[in-house]
C-alpha atoms as a PDB file:
ATOM      1  CA  MET A   1      56.028  89.738 119.588  1.00  0.00           C
ATOM      2  CA  MET A   2      57.671  92.718 117.957  1.00  0.00           C
ATOM      3  CA  PRO A   3      56.280  94.587 115.289  1.00  0.00           C
ATOM      4  CA  THR A   4      58.024  94.452 112.018  1.00  0.00           C
ATOM      5  CA  ASN A   5      58.707  96.940 109.479  1.00  0.00           C
ATOM      6  CA  ASP A   6      59.668  95.972 106.046  1.00  0.00           C
ATOM      7  CA  ASN A   7      60.474  99.582 105.183  1.00  0.00           C
ATOM      8  CA  LEU A   8      63.925  99.484 106.357  1.00  0.00           C
ATOM      9  CA  ILE A   9      67.008 100.640 104.623  1.00  0.00           C
ATOM     10  CA  LEU A  10      70.992  99.695 104.828  1.00  0.00           C
ATOM     11  CA  PHE A  11      72.959 102.509 104.051  1.00  0.00           C
ATOM     12  CA  SER A  12      76.682 101.993 103.939  1.00  0.00           C
ATOM     13  CA  SER A  13      79.733 104.156 103.064  1.00  0.00           C
ATOM     14  CA  ILE A  14      83.219 104.332 103.022  1.00  0.00           C
ATOM     15  CA  LEU A  15      84.393 107.933 104.017  1.00  0.00           C
ATOM     16  CA  ASP A  16      87.890 109.659 105.004  1.00  0.00           C
ATOM     17  CA  PHE A  17      88.868 109.551 108.308  1.00  0.00           C
ATOM     18  CA  GLY A  18      87.388 112.143 110.402  1.00  0.00           C
ATOM     19  CA  LYS A  19      83.773 112.680 108.491  1.00  0.00           C
ATOM     20  CA  GLY A  20      81.742 109.634 109.821  1.00  0.00           C
ATOM     21  CA  SER A  21      80.382 111.940 112.457  1.00  0.00           C
ATOM     22  CA  LYS A  22      79.208 114.491 109.915  1.00  0.00           C
ATOM     23  CA  ALA A  23      77.707 111.584 107.649  1.00  0.00           C
ATOM     24  CA  LEU A  24      75.920 110.288 110.927  1.00  0.00           C
ATOM     25  CA  GLU A  25      74.719 113.574 111.627  1.00  0.00           C
ATOM     26  CA  LEU A  26      73.207 114.070 108.028  1.00  0.00           C
ATOM     27  CA  SER A  27      71.779 110.709 108.442  1.00  0.00           C
ATOM     28  CA  LYS A  28      69.880 111.586 111.567  1.00  0.00           C
ATOM     29  CA  LYS A  29      68.725 114.820 109.700  1.00  0.00           C
ATOM     30  CA  LEU A  30      67.166 112.458 107.022  1.00  0.00           C
ATOM     31  CA  GLY A  31      65.208 110.086 109.306  1.00  0.00           C
ATOM     32  CA  GLY A  32      67.943 107.682 110.047  1.00  0.00           C
ATOM     33  CA  GLU A  33      67.465 106.116 113.697  1.00  0.00           C
ATOM     34  CA  ALA A  34      70.390 104.561 114.360  1.00  0.00           C
ATOM     35  CA  GLY A  35      74.129 104.744 113.141  1.00  0.00           C
ATOM     36  CA  THR A  36      77.382 102.932 113.912  1.00  0.00           C
ATOM     37  CA  ILE A  37      80.510 103.977 112.900  1.00  0.00           C
ATOM     38  CA  PHE A  38      83.307 101.319 112.348  1.00  0.00           C
ATOM     39  CA  LEU A  39      87.092 102.693 111.871  1.00  0.00           C
ATOM     40  CA  GLY A  40      89.142 101.003 109.196  1.00  0.00           C
ATOM     41  CA  ARG A  41      92.831 100.656 109.064  1.00  0.00           C
ATOM     42  CA  GLY A  42      94.352  98.577 106.206  1.00  0.00           C
ATOM     43  CA  THR A  43      97.313  98.280 104.090  1.00  0.00           C
ATOM     44  CA  VAL A  44      96.095  96.234 100.825  1.00  0.00           C
ATOM     45  CA  ARG A  45      96.428  97.560  97.359  1.00  0.00           C
ATOM     46  CA  THR A  46      93.971  96.391  94.683  1.00  0.00           C
ATOM     47  CA  LYS A  47      92.263  97.700  91.689  1.00  0.00           C
ATOM     48  CA  TRP A  48      88.948  96.976  93.383  1.00  0.00           C
ATOM     49  CA  LEU A  49      90.154  99.303  96.331  1.00  0.00           C
ATOM     50  CA  ASN A  50      91.093 101.819  93.808  1.00  0.00           C
ATOM     51  CA  LEU A  51      87.773 101.527  92.490  1.00  0.00           C
ATOM     52  CA  LEU A  52      85.931 102.257  95.545  1.00  0.00           C
ATOM     53  CA  GLY A  53      88.366 105.087  96.436  1.00  0.00           C
ATOM     54  CA  ALA A  54      89.597 103.151  99.686  1.00  0.00           C
ATOM     55  CA  LEU A  55      93.314 103.063  98.951  1.00  0.00           C
ATOM     56  CA  GLN A  56      94.189 105.452 101.698  1.00  0.00           C
ATOM     57  CA  ILE A  57      95.160 103.734 104.736  1.00  0.00           C
ATOM     58  CA  ARG A  58      92.895 105.721 107.175  1.00  0.00           C
ATOM     59  CA  LYS A  59      89.206 105.681 106.575  1.00  0.00           C
END
């Protein structure tokens, strides 16, 4: 059986295209043990995306 760690934190963010690697690097400097970057692309325009700052097509 694997030991469990109840002190895990999930951090997620939506960033401009090209800034994911820097964010992952900073996360590791601050103690992050792993990371995954997803490239997103979309064209849906809603007020919720505007509030999230995600209206640009490339993120």
